[in-house]
Amino acid sequence: MEERRVTLVTLLLQATHQMIDELIARVAAAGYHDIRPSDSRVFENLDPAGTRLSDLAIRAQMTHQSMSELVSGLESRGYVTRVPDSADRRARIVCLTVRGQKLMRIALDALSEIETEWLRRLEEAGCRDLRGAMVRLTETE
């Protein structure tokens, strides 16, 4: 029987899941016990001034319906709100509430610590500039 081949994509996804799990644990320790890993799909794609739901879905590579469900869950828990788009009154903008802004500050600090730890461990394993390499590889023209 052939051995299962673990691809780079699989390894990157596993690392991402581990980092998000660590982030969720840290925000829970800070009192935000109702945040789930899937909620990160909203937060990581939300602009500081808010973002249209359709843009959130495109950025997260999700259906509009799936993103709407995530946003509705965060809205019911008080992290985001939907407000009319001043450029197009028919559209709505997803924005952080005060509670969501506090969570984001904690989460960004925690994520910075997690990234620093991962980068330190990668350097110890011989990888010197993963962040720089990833930026160069993912730049679009």
C-alpha atoms as a PDB file:
ATOM      1  CA  MET A   1       0.000   0.000   0.000  1.00  0.00           C
ATOM      2  CA  GLU A   2       1.274   3.471  -0.907  1.00  0.00           C
ATOM      3  CA  GLU A   3       2.082   5.965   1.831  1.00  0.00           C
ATOM      4  CA  ARG A   4      -0.010   9.105   1.991  1.00  0.00           C
ATOM      5  CA  ARG A   5       1.927  12.025   0.540  1.00  0.00           C
ATOM      6  CA  VAL A   6       1.847  15.129   2.697  1.00  0.00           C
ATOM      7  CA  THR A   7       1.940  18.135   0.400  1.00  0.00           C
ATOM      8  CA  LEU A   8       3.218  21.617   1.166  1.00  0.00           C
ATOM      9  CA  VAL A   9      -0.374  22.853   0.946  1.00  0.00           C
ATOM     10  CA  THR A  10      -1.371  20.389   3.667  1.00  0.00           C
ATOM     11  CA  LEU A  11       1.549  21.419   5.868  1.00  0.00           C
ATOM     12  CA  LEU A  12       0.753  25.138   5.449  1.00  0.00           C
ATOM     13  CA  LEU A  13      -2.908  24.518   6.271  1.00  0.00           C
ATOM     14  CA  GLN A  14      -1.972  22.481   9.344  1.00  0.00           C
ATOM     15  CA  ALA A  15       0.312  25.285  10.528  1.00  0.00           C
ATOM     16  CA  THR A  16      -2.468  27.820   9.922  1.00  0.00           C
ATOM     17  CA  HIS A  17      -4.957  25.728  11.903  1.00  0.00           C
ATOM     18  CA  GLN A  18      -2.495  25.366  14.771  1.00  0.00           C
ATOM     19  CA  MET A  19      -1.868  29.117  14.868  1.00  0.00           C
ATOM     20  CA  ILE A  20      -5.592  29.902  14.792  1.00  0.00           C
ATOM     21  CA  ASP A  21      -6.259  27.345  17.543  1.00  0.00           C
ATOM     22  CA  GLU A  22      -3.575  29.036  19.667  1.00  0.00           C
ATOM     23  CA  LEU A  23      -5.116  32.430  18.925  1.00  0.00           C
ATOM     24  CA  ILE A  24      -8.584  31.201  19.920  1.00  0.00           C
ATOM     25  CA  ALA A  25      -7.161  29.835  23.189  1.00  0.00           C
ATOM     26  CA  ARG A  26      -5.488  33.169  23.952  1.00  0.00           C
ATOM     27  CA  VAL A  27      -8.573  35.286  23.268  1.00  0.00           C
ATOM     28  CA  ALA A  28     -10.628  32.845  25.357  1.00  0.00           C
ATOM     29  CA  ALA A  29      -8.145  33.317  28.214  1.00  0.00           C
ATOM     30  CA  ALA A  30      -8.739  37.067  27.833  1.00  0.00           C
ATOM     31  CA  GLY A  31     -12.480  36.532  28.352  1.00  0.00           C
ATOM     32  CA  TYR A  32     -13.734  36.028  24.792  1.00  0.00           C
ATOM     33  CA  HIS A  33     -15.016  32.462  25.156  1.00  0.00           C
ATOM     34  CA  ASP A  34     -17.482  32.640  22.271  1.00  0.00           C
ATOM     35  CA  ILE A  35     -15.011  33.066  19.405  1.00  0.00           C
ATOM     36  CA  ARG A  36     -14.634  30.111  17.039  1.00  0.00           C
ATOM     37  CA  PRO A  37     -11.895  29.349  14.511  1.00  0.00           C
ATOM     38  CA  SER A  38     -14.309  29.968  11.623  1.00  0.00           C
ATOM     39  CA  ASP A  39     -14.870  33.533  12.884  1.00  0.00           C
ATOM     40  CA  SER A  40     -11.318  34.336  11.851  1.00  0.00           C
ATOM     41  CA  ARG A  41     -12.518  34.320   8.222  1.00  0.00           C
ATOM     42  CA  VAL A  42     -14.458  37.510   8.970  1.00  0.00           C
ATOM     43  CA  PHE A  43     -11.896  39.278  11.153  1.00  0.00           C
ATOM     44  CA  GLU A  44      -8.922  38.638   8.852  1.00  0.00           C
ATOM     45  CA  ASN A  45     -10.738  40.185   5.882  1.00  0.00           C
ATOM     46  CA  LEU A  46     -12.430  43.140   7.567  1.00  0.00           C
ATOM     47  CA  ASP A  47     -11.060  46.602   6.769  1.00  0.00           C
ATOM     48  CA  PRO A  48     -10.706  49.078   9.670  1.00  0.00           C
ATOM     49  CA  ALA A  49     -13.560  51.233   8.297  1.00  0.00           C
ATOM     50  CA  GLY A  50     -15.724  48.221   7.495  1.00  0.00           C
ATOM     51  CA  THR A  51     -16.247  46.035   4.445  1.00  0.00           C
ATOM     52  CA  ARG A  52     -19.141  44.977   2.263  1.00  0.00           C
ATOM     53  CA  LEU A  53     -20.310  41.432   2.860  1.00  0.00           C
ATOM     54  CA  SER A  54     -19.712  40.532  -0.792  1.00  0.00           C
ATOM     55  CA  ASP A  55     -16.087  41.708  -0.515  1.00  0.00           C
ATOM     56  CA  LEU A  56     -15.604  39.703   2.688  1.00  0.00           C
ATOM     57  CA  ALA A  57     -16.883  36.595   0.902  1.00  0.00           C
ATOM     58  CA  ILE A  58     -14.595  37.143  -2.096  1.00  0.00           C
ATOM     59  CA  ARG A  59     -11.524  37.735   0.080  1.00  0.00           C
ATOM     60  CA  ALA A  60     -12.256  34.643   2.187  1.00  0.00           C
ATOM     61  CA  GLN A  61     -13.038  32.590  -0.938  1.00  0.00           C
ATOM     62  CA  MET A  62     -16.430  31.679   0.459  1.00  0.00           C
ATOM     63  CA  THR A  63     -19.983  31.924  -0.790  1.00  0.00           C
ATOM     64  CA  HIS A  64     -21.913  35.063   0.076  1.00  0.00           C
ATOM     65  CA  GLN A  65     -24.361  32.892   2.032  1.00  0.00           C
ATOM     66  CA  SER A  66     -21.634  31.245   4.143  1.00  0.00           C
ATOM     67  CA  MET A  67     -20.040  34.614   4.947  1.00  0.00           C
ATOM     68  CA  SER A  68     -23.463  36.028   5.799  1.00  0.00           C
ATOM     69  CA  GLU A  69     -23.955  33.218   8.328  1.00  0.00           C
ATOM     70  CA  LEU A  70     -20.595  33.948   9.959  1.00  0.00           C
ATOM     71  CA  VAL A  71     -21.346  37.675  10.098  1.00  0.00           C
ATOM     72  CA  SER A  72     -24.829  37.024  11.528  1.00  0.00           C
ATOM     73  CA  GLY A  73     -23.302  34.903  14.292  1.00  0.00           C
ATOM     74  CA  LEU A  74     -20.760  37.609  15.157  1.00  0.00           C
ATOM     75  CA  GLU A  75     -23.481  40.239  14.990  1.00  0.00           C
ATOM     76  CA  SER A  76     -25.672  38.301  17.427  1.00  0.00           C
ATOM     77  CA  ARG A  77     -22.699  38.049  19.813  1.00  0.00           C
ATOM     78  CA  GLY A  78     -22.040  41.798  19.598  1.00  0.00           C
ATOM     79  CA  TYR A  79     -18.750  41.858  17.648  1.00  0.00           C
ATOM     80  CA  VAL A  80     -19.916  43.381  14.372  1.00  0.00           C
ATOM     81  CA  THR A  81     -22.793  45.420  13.059  1.00  0.00           C
ATOM     82  CA  ARG A  82     -24.104  46.173   9.587  1.00  0.00           C
ATOM     83  CA  VAL A  83     -24.542  49.799   8.614  1.00  0.00           C
ATOM     84  CA  PRO A  84     -25.691  51.424   5.355  1.00  0.00           C
ATOM     85  CA  ASP A  85     -22.930  52.097   2.831  1.00  0.00           C
ATOM     86  CA  SER A  86     -22.704  55.865   2.313  1.00  0.00           C
ATOM     87  CA  ALA A  87     -21.661  55.290  -1.317  1.00  0.00           C
ATOM     88  CA  ASP A  88     -24.614  52.985  -2.068  1.00  0.00           C
ATOM     89  CA  ARG A  89     -27.549  53.099   0.361  1.00  0.00           C
ATOM     90  CA  ARG A  90     -28.756  49.683  -0.864  1.00  0.00           C
ATOM     91  CA  ALA A  91     -25.531  48.042   0.296  1.00  0.00           C
ATOM     92  CA  ARG A  92     -24.492  47.350   3.886  1.00  0.00           C
ATOM     93  CA  ILE A  93     -21.050  47.609   5.454  1.00  0.00           C
ATOM     94  CA  VAL A  94     -19.908  45.159   8.140  1.00  0.00           C
ATOM     95  CA  CYS A  95     -18.140  47.113  10.904  1.00  0.00           C
ATOM     96  CA  LEU A  96     -16.637  46.232  14.250  1.00  0.00           C
ATOM     97  CA  THR A  97     -18.543  47.240  17.355  1.00  0.00           C
ATOM     98  CA  VAL A  98     -16.714  48.553  20.411  1.00  0.00           C
ATOM     99  CA  ARG A  99     -16.623  44.970  21.695  1.00  0.00           C
ATOM    100  CA  GLY A 100     -15.238  43.796  18.345  1.00  0.00           C
ATOM    101  CA  GLN A 101     -12.566  46.512  18.416  1.00  0.00           C
ATOM    102  CA  LYS A 102     -11.445  45.410  21.890  1.00  0.00           C
ATOM    103  CA  LEU A 103     -11.286  41.799  20.718  1.00  0.00           C
ATOM    104  CA  MET A 104      -9.267  42.801  17.646  1.00  0.00           C
ATOM    105  CA  ARG A 105      -6.680  44.644  19.751  1.00  0.00           C
ATOM    106  CA  ILE A 106      -6.242  41.590  21.979  1.00  0.00           C
ATOM    107  CA  ALA A 107      -6.215  39.214  19.011  1.00  0.00           C
ATOM    108  CA  LEU A 108      -3.658  41.240  17.047  1.00  0.00           C
ATOM    109  CA  ASP A 109      -1.334  41.397  20.052  1.00  0.00           C
ATOM    110  CA  ALA A 110      -1.741  37.649  20.606  1.00  0.00           C
ATOM    111  CA  LEU A 111      -1.191  36.918  16.928  1.00  0.00           C
ATOM    112  CA  SER A 112       1.985  38.976  16.938  1.00  0.00           C
ATOM    113  CA  GLU A 113       3.284  36.894  19.847  1.00  0.00           C
ATOM    114  CA  ILE A 114       2.287  33.647  18.122  1.00  0.00           C
ATOM    115  CA  GLU A 115       3.975  34.679  14.880  1.00  0.00           C
ATOM    116  CA  THR A 116       7.129  35.700  16.731  1.00  0.00           C
ATOM    117  CA  GLU A 117       7.260  32.299  18.431  1.00  0.00           C
ATOM    118  CA  TRP A 118       6.662  30.417  15.174  1.00  0.00           C
ATOM    119  CA  LEU A 119       9.320  32.462  13.357  1.00  0.00           C
ATOM    120  CA  ARG A 120      11.799  31.789  16.179  1.00  0.00           C
ATOM    121  CA  ARG A 121      11.114  28.062  15.955  1.00  0.00           C
ATOM    122  CA  LEU A 122      11.456  28.144  12.169  1.00  0.00           C
ATOM    123  CA  GLU A 123      14.794  29.937  12.423  1.00  0.00           C
ATOM    124  CA  GLU A 124      16.000  27.302  14.881  1.00  0.00           C
ATOM    125  CA  ALA A 125      15.007  24.713  12.268  1.00  0.00           C
ATOM    126  CA  GLY A 126      17.102  26.499   9.625  1.00  0.00           C
ATOM    127  CA  CYS A 127      14.498  28.658   7.880  1.00  0.00           C
ATOM    128  CA  ARG A 128      15.847  32.216   8.026  1.00  0.00           C
ATOM    129  CA  ASP A 129      13.252  34.444   6.331  1.00  0.00           C
ATOM    130  CA  LEU A 130       9.944  32.645   5.906  1.00  0.00           C
ATOM    131  CA  ARG A 131       7.910  35.863   6.157  1.00  0.00           C
ATOM    132  CA  GLY A 132       9.964  37.608   3.481  1.00  0.00           C
ATOM    133  CA  ALA A 133       9.902  34.570   1.222  1.00  0.00           C
ATOM    134  CA  MET A 134       6.122  34.208   1.577  1.00  0.00           C
ATOM    135  CA  VAL A 135       5.582  37.904   0.843  1.00  0.00           C
ATOM    136  CA  ARG A 136       7.695  37.637  -2.310  1.00  0.00           C
ATOM    137  CA  LEU A 137       5.957  34.443  -3.418  1.00  0.00           C
ATOM    138  CA  THR A 138       2.451  35.806  -2.920  1.00  0.00           C
ATOM    139  CA  GLU A 139       2.930  39.275  -4.411  1.00  0.00           C
ATOM    140  CA  THR A 140       0.613  39.851  -7.343  1.00  0.00           C
ATOM    141  CA  GLU A 141       1.533  41.959 -10.292  1.00  0.00           C
END
